[in-house]
Amino acid sequence: ANAIKFTEQGEIVVHVSLEQKNADNSVLHFAVSDTGIGIPVDQQSRLFDEFIQVESSNTSPYG
């Protein structure tokens, strides 16, 4: 969703590959790349923390 929110112009590419398959299950690997605004280097370590947004302003137009 962020790739769509933060890429006003440019491209969004979704790569899907089959990592593992057996009779009962398949494991897929999804990778998304985009030309959006990106995340500042000093904020990237917080990317997978719960409930963290890089821009914490209440007036953010992105919701």
PDB file of N, CA and C in Angstrom:
ATOM      1  N   ALA A   1       0.824  -1.193   0.000  1.00  0.00           N
ATOM      2  CA  ALA A   1       0.000   0.000   0.000  1.00  0.00           C
ATOM      3  C   ALA A   1       0.869   1.259   0.000  1.00  0.00           C
ATOM      4  N   ASN A   2       1.987   1.247   0.722  1.00  0.00           N
ATOM      5  CA  ASN A   2       2.837   2.440   0.763  1.00  0.00           C
ATOM      6  C   ASN A   2       3.448   2.740  -0.594  1.00  0.00           C
ATOM      7  N   ALA A   3       3.780   1.711  -1.358  1.00  0.00           N
ATOM      8  CA  ALA A   3       4.326   1.950  -2.691  1.00  0.00           C
ATOM      9  C   ALA A   3       3.335   2.754  -3.521  1.00  0.00           C
ATOM     10  N   ILE A   4       2.067   2.437  -3.407  1.00  0.00           N
ATOM     11  CA  ILE A   4       1.039   3.159  -4.156  1.00  0.00           C
ATOM     12  C   ILE A   4       0.834   4.555  -3.579  1.00  0.00           C
ATOM     13  N   LYS A   5       0.794   4.668  -2.261  1.00  0.00           N
ATOM     14  CA  LYS A   5       0.578   5.963  -1.611  1.00  0.00           C
ATOM     15  C   LYS A   5       1.666   6.971  -1.944  1.00  0.00           C
ATOM     16  N   PHE A   6       2.920   6.518  -1.958  1.00  0.00           N
ATOM     17  CA  PHE A   6       4.045   7.443  -2.022  1.00  0.00           C
ATOM     18  C   PHE A   6       4.746   7.484  -3.373  1.00  0.00           C
ATOM     19  N   THR A   7       4.144   6.912  -4.406  1.00  0.00           N
ATOM     20  CA  THR A   7       4.708   6.987  -5.751  1.00  0.00           C
ATOM     21  C   THR A   7       3.725   7.745  -6.627  1.00  0.00           C
ATOM     22  N   GLU A   8       3.908   9.061  -6.690  1.00  0.00           N
ATOM     23  CA  GLU A   8       3.014   9.886  -7.503  1.00  0.00           C
ATOM     24  C   GLU A   8       3.326   9.733  -8.984  1.00  0.00           C
ATOM     25  N   GLN A   9       4.609   9.604  -9.320  1.00  0.00           N
ATOM     26  CA  GLN A   9       5.047   9.387 -10.696  1.00  0.00           C
ATOM     27  C   GLN A   9       6.112   8.312 -10.666  1.00  0.00           C
ATOM     28  N   GLY A  10       6.282   7.610 -11.768  1.00  0.00           N
ATOM     29  CA  GLY A  10       7.312   6.581 -11.839  1.00  0.00           C
ATOM     30  C   GLY A  10       6.691   5.214 -11.965  1.00  0.00           C
ATOM     31  N   GLU A  11       7.271   4.252 -11.234  1.00  0.00           N
ATOM     32  CA  GLU A  11       6.781   2.889 -11.387  1.00  0.00           C
ATOM     33  C   GLU A  11       6.786   2.125 -10.076  1.00  0.00           C
ATOM     34  N   ILE A  12       5.943   1.107 -10.039  1.00  0.00           N
ATOM     35  CA  ILE A  12       5.893   0.145  -8.944  1.00  0.00           C
ATOM     36  C   ILE A  12       6.010  -1.226  -9.591  1.00  0.00           C
ATOM     37  N   VAL A  13       6.959  -2.022  -9.131  1.00  0.00           N
ATOM     38  CA  VAL A  13       7.187  -3.352  -9.697  1.00  0.00           C
ATOM     39  C   VAL A  13       7.007  -4.384  -8.594  1.00  0.00           C
ATOM     40  N   VAL A  14       6.198  -5.407  -8.879  1.00  0.00           N
ATOM     41  CA  VAL A  14       5.985  -6.502  -7.938  1.00  0.00           C
ATOM     42  C   VAL A  14       6.564  -7.766  -8.557  1.00  0.00           C
ATOM     43  N   HIS A  15       7.520  -8.383  -7.857  1.00  0.00           N
ATOM     44  CA  HIS A  15       8.114  -9.648  -8.287  1.00  0.00           C
ATOM     45  C   HIS A  15       7.587 -10.743  -7.365  1.00  0.00           C
ATOM     46  N   VAL A  16       7.148 -11.840  -7.950  1.00  0.00           N
ATOM     47  CA  VAL A  16       6.680 -12.989  -7.172  1.00  0.00           C
ATOM     48  C   VAL A  16       7.431 -14.210  -7.679  1.00  0.00           C
ATOM     49  N   SER A  17       8.021 -14.954  -6.738  1.00  0.00           N
ATOM     50  CA  SER A  17       8.722 -16.179  -7.130  1.00  0.00           C
ATOM     51  C   SER A  17       8.320 -17.322  -6.207  1.00  0.00           C
ATOM     52  N   LEU A  18       8.338 -18.515  -6.753  1.00  0.00           N
ATOM     53  CA  LEU A  18       8.026 -19.713  -5.991  1.00  0.00           C
ATOM     54  C   LEU A  18       9.290 -20.170  -5.284  1.00  0.00           C
ATOM     55  N   GLU A  19       9.281 -20.133  -3.970  1.00  0.00           N
ATOM     56  CA  GLU A  19      10.448 -20.515  -3.177  1.00  0.00           C
ATOM     57  C   GLU A  19      10.458 -22.008  -2.864  1.00  0.00           C
ATOM     58  N   GLN A  20       9.288 -22.554  -2.607  1.00  0.00           N
ATOM     59  CA  GLN A  20       9.208 -23.955  -2.194  1.00  0.00           C
ATOM     60  C   GLN A  20       7.812 -24.476  -2.511  1.00  0.00           C
ATOM     61  N   LYS A  21       7.731 -25.724  -2.932  1.00  0.00           N
ATOM     62  CA  LYS A  21       6.436 -26.331  -3.209  1.00  0.00           C
ATOM     63  C   LYS A  21       6.490 -27.801  -2.845  1.00  0.00           C
ATOM     64  N   ASN A  22       5.438 -28.263  -2.172  1.00  0.00           N
ATOM     65  CA  ASN A  22       5.288 -29.691  -1.932  1.00  0.00           C
ATOM     66  C   ASN A  22       3.820 -30.040  -2.168  1.00  0.00           C
ATOM     67  N   ALA A  23       3.421 -31.244  -1.829  1.00  0.00           N
ATOM     68  CA  ALA A  23       2.056 -31.693  -2.118  1.00  0.00           C
ATOM     69  C   ALA A  23       0.994 -30.855  -1.414  1.00  0.00           C
ATOM     70  N   ASP A  24       1.308 -30.303  -0.253  1.00  0.00           N
ATOM     71  CA  ASP A  24       0.310 -29.590   0.545  1.00  0.00           C
ATOM     72  C   ASP A  24       0.447 -28.072   0.551  1.00  0.00           C
ATOM     73  N   ASN A  25       1.648 -27.550   0.328  1.00  0.00           N
ATOM     74  CA  ASN A  25       1.893 -26.122   0.505  1.00  0.00           C
ATOM     75  C   ASN A  25       2.814 -25.569  -0.564  1.00  0.00           C
ATOM     76  N   SER A  26       2.722 -24.271  -0.722  1.00  0.00           N
ATOM     77  CA  SER A  26       3.662 -23.527  -1.553  1.00  0.00           C
ATOM     78  C   SER A  26       4.117 -22.309  -0.766  1.00  0.00           C
ATOM     79  N   VAL A  27       5.373 -21.926  -0.941  1.00  0.00           N
ATOM     80  CA  VAL A  27       5.907 -20.724  -0.308  1.00  0.00           C
ATOM     81  C   VAL A  27       6.277 -19.755  -1.423  1.00  0.00           C
ATOM     82  N   LEU A  28       5.680 -18.573  -1.371  1.00  0.00           N
ATOM     83  CA  LEU A  28       5.951 -17.544  -2.360  1.00  0.00           C
ATOM     84  C   LEU A  28       6.774 -16.431  -1.734  1.00  0.00           C
ATOM     85  N   HIS A  29       7.638 -15.828  -2.536  1.00  0.00           N
ATOM     86  CA  HIS A  29       8.428 -14.674  -2.100  1.00  0.00           C
ATOM     87  C   HIS A  29       7.938 -13.475  -2.912  1.00  0.00           C
ATOM     88  N   PHE A  30       7.500 -12.427  -2.207  1.00  0.00           N
ATOM     89  CA  PHE A  30       7.046 -11.200  -2.848  1.00  0.00           C
ATOM     90  C   PHE A  30       8.076 -10.106  -2.606  1.00  0.00           C
ATOM     91  N   ALA A  31       8.416  -9.367  -3.643  1.00  0.00           N
ATOM     92  CA  ALA A  31       9.312  -8.218  -3.521  1.00  0.00           C
ATOM     93  C   ALA A  31       8.680  -7.049  -4.274  1.00  0.00           C
ATOM     94  N   VAL A  32       8.625  -5.902  -3.626  1.00  0.00           N
ATOM     95  CA  VAL A  32       8.042  -4.704  -4.232  1.00  0.00           C
ATOM     96  C   VAL A  32       9.123  -3.639  -4.312  1.00  0.00           C
ATOM     97  N   SER A  33       9.271  -3.055  -5.475  1.00  0.00           N
ATOM     98  CA  SER A  33      10.189  -1.920  -5.612  1.00  0.00           C
ATOM     99  C   SER A  33       9.418  -0.774  -6.268  1.00  0.00           C
ATOM    100  N   ASP A  34       9.815   0.439  -5.931  1.00  0.00           N
ATOM    101  CA  ASP A  34       9.113   1.593  -6.481  1.00  0.00           C
ATOM    102  C   ASP A  34      10.063   2.774  -6.591  1.00  0.00           C
ATOM    103  N   THR A  35       9.588   3.807  -7.239  1.00  0.00           N
ATOM    104  CA  THR A  35      10.367   5.035  -7.401  1.00  0.00           C
ATOM    105  C   THR A  35       9.799   6.149  -6.529  1.00  0.00           C
ATOM    106  N   GLY A  36       9.142   5.768  -5.436  1.00  0.00           N
ATOM    107  CA  GLY A  36       8.532   6.730  -4.514  1.00  0.00           C
ATOM    108  C   GLY A  36       9.557   7.492  -3.705  1.00  0.00           C
ATOM    109  N   ILE A  37       9.066   8.217  -2.703  1.00  0.00           N
ATOM    110  CA  ILE A  37       9.922   9.118  -1.929  1.00  0.00           C
ATOM    111  C   ILE A  37      10.921   8.398  -1.032  1.00  0.00           C
ATOM    112  N   GLY A  38      10.686   7.135  -0.729  1.00  0.00           N
ATOM    113  CA  GLY A  38      11.635   6.374   0.081  1.00  0.00           C
ATOM    114  C   GLY A  38      11.534   6.678   1.565  1.00  0.00           C
ATOM    115  N   ILE A  39      12.348   5.983   2.324  1.00  0.00           N
ATOM    116  CA  ILE A  39      12.401   6.140   3.778  1.00  0.00           C
ATOM    117  C   ILE A  39      13.800   6.630   4.134  1.00  0.00           C
ATOM    118  N   PRO A  40      13.912   7.709   4.907  1.00  0.00           N
ATOM    119  CA  PRO A  40      15.238   8.207   5.288  1.00  0.00           C
ATOM    120  C   PRO A  40      16.058   7.111   5.983  1.00  0.00           C
ATOM    121  N   VAL A  41      17.354   7.088   5.714  1.00  0.00           N
ATOM    122  CA  VAL A  41      18.248   6.063   6.261  1.00  0.00           C
ATOM    123  C   VAL A  41      18.131   5.969   7.776  1.00  0.00           C
ATOM    124  N   ASP A  42      18.033   7.103   8.465  1.00  0.00           N
ATOM    125  CA  ASP A  42      17.972   7.073   9.929  1.00  0.00           C
ATOM    126  C   ASP A  42      16.653   6.502  10.459  1.00  0.00           C
ATOM    127  N   GLN A  43      15.662   6.306   9.616  1.00  0.00           N
ATOM    128  CA  GLN A  43      14.378   5.739  10.023  1.00  0.00           C
ATOM    129  C   GLN A  43      14.208   4.277   9.596  1.00  0.00           C
ATOM    130  N   GLN A  44      15.083   3.770   8.735  1.00  0.00           N
ATOM    131  CA  GLN A  44      14.916   2.427   8.183  1.00  0.00           C
ATOM    132  C   GLN A  44      14.987   1.328   9.234  1.00  0.00           C
ATOM    133  N   SER A  45      15.750   1.517  10.292  1.00  0.00           N
ATOM    134  CA  SER A  45      15.851   0.490  11.333  1.00  0.00           C
ATOM    135  C   SER A  45      14.526   0.312  12.072  1.00  0.00           C
ATOM    136  N   ARG A  46      13.638   1.286  11.992  1.00  0.00           N
ATOM    137  CA  ARG A  46      12.343   1.224  12.672  1.00  0.00           C
ATOM    138  C   ARG A  46      11.242   0.656  11.777  1.00  0.00           C
ATOM    139  N   LEU A  47      11.583   0.293  10.567  1.00  0.00           N
ATOM    140  CA  LEU A  47      10.600  -0.089   9.567  1.00  0.00           C
ATOM    141  C   LEU A  47       9.646  -1.183  10.031  1.00  0.00           C
ATOM    142  N   PHE A  48      10.142  -2.185  10.737  1.00  0.00           N
ATOM    143  CA  PHE A  48       9.289  -3.299  11.136  1.00  0.00           C
ATOM    144  C   PHE A  48       8.851  -3.228  12.598  1.00  0.00           C
ATOM    145  N   ASP A  49       9.068  -2.091  13.253  1.00  0.00           N
ATOM    146  CA  ASP A  49       8.521  -1.880  14.592  1.00  0.00           C
ATOM    147  C   ASP A  49       7.001  -1.742  14.478  1.00  0.00           C
ATOM    148  N   GLU A  50       6.289  -2.135  15.531  1.00  0.00           N
ATOM    149  CA  GLU A  50       4.838  -2.008  15.510  1.00  0.00           C
ATOM    150  C   GLU A  50       4.406  -0.548  15.531  1.00  0.00           C
ATOM    151  N   PHE A  51       3.416  -0.219  14.729  1.00  0.00           N
ATOM    152  CA  PHE A  51       2.725   1.064  14.736  1.00  0.00           C
ATOM    153  C   PHE A  51       3.650   2.269  14.570  1.00  0.00           C
ATOM    154  N   ILE A  52       4.638   2.147  13.737  1.00  0.00           N
ATOM    155  CA  ILE A  52       5.572   3.248  13.506  1.00  0.00           C
ATOM    156  C   ILE A  52       5.318   3.848  12.128  1.00  0.00           C
ATOM    157  N   GLN A  53       5.259   5.172  12.072  1.00  0.00           N
ATOM    158  CA  GLN A  53       5.210   5.889  10.812  1.00  0.00           C
ATOM    159  C   GLN A  53       6.393   6.837  10.775  1.00  0.00           C
ATOM    160  N   VAL A  54       7.011   6.948   9.609  1.00  0.00           N
ATOM    161  CA  VAL A  54       8.145   7.861   9.473  1.00  0.00           C
ATOM    162  C   VAL A  54       7.676   9.290   9.708  1.00  0.00           C
ATOM    163  N   GLU A  55       6.579   9.691   9.082  1.00  0.00           N
ATOM    164  CA  GLU A  55       6.027  11.031   9.250  1.00  0.00           C
ATOM    165  C   GLU A  55       4.918  10.952  10.284  1.00  0.00           C
ATOM    166  N   SER A  56       5.138  11.526  11.443  1.00  0.00           N
ATOM    167  CA  SER A  56       4.162  11.412  12.521  1.00  0.00           C
ATOM    168  C   SER A  56       3.250  12.629  12.637  1.00  0.00           C
ATOM    169  N   SER A  57       3.330  13.541  11.701  1.00  0.00           N
ATOM    170  CA  SER A  57       2.505  14.746  11.741  1.00  0.00           C
ATOM    171  C   SER A  57       1.024  14.387  11.639  1.00  0.00           C
ATOM    172  N   ASN A  58       0.220  15.020  12.470  1.00  0.00           N
ATOM    173  CA  ASN A  58      -1.228  14.802  12.417  1.00  0.00           C
ATOM    174  C   ASN A  58      -1.848  15.351  11.144  1.00  0.00           C
ATOM    175  N   THR A  59      -1.117  16.191  10.443  1.00  0.00           N
ATOM    176  CA  THR A  59      -1.655  16.793   9.231  1.00  0.00           C
ATOM    177  C   THR A  59      -1.185  16.074   7.976  1.00  0.00           C
ATOM    178  N   SER A  60      -0.581  14.916   8.122  1.00  0.00           N
ATOM    179  CA  SER A  60      -0.099  14.173   6.965  1.00  0.00           C
ATOM    180  C   SER A  60      -1.247  13.863   6.004  1.00  0.00           C
ATOM    181  N   PRO A  61      -1.085  14.136   4.715  1.00  0.00           N
ATOM    182  CA  PRO A  61      -2.159  13.854   3.754  1.00  0.00           C
ATOM    183  C   PRO A  61      -2.279  12.373   3.413  1.00  0.00           C
ATOM    184  N   TYR A  62      -1.413  11.535   3.967  1.00  0.00           N
ATOM    185  CA  TYR A  62      -1.380  10.126   3.581  1.00  0.00           C
ATOM    186  C   TYR A  62      -2.169   9.223   4.510  1.00  0.00           C
ATOM    187  N   GLY A  63      -2.691   9.723   5.613  1.00  0.00           N
ATOM    188  CA  GLY A  63      -3.518   8.926   6.510  1.00  0.00           C
ATOM    189  C   GLY A  63      -2.767   8.097   7.498  1.00  0.00           C
TER     190      GLY A  63
END
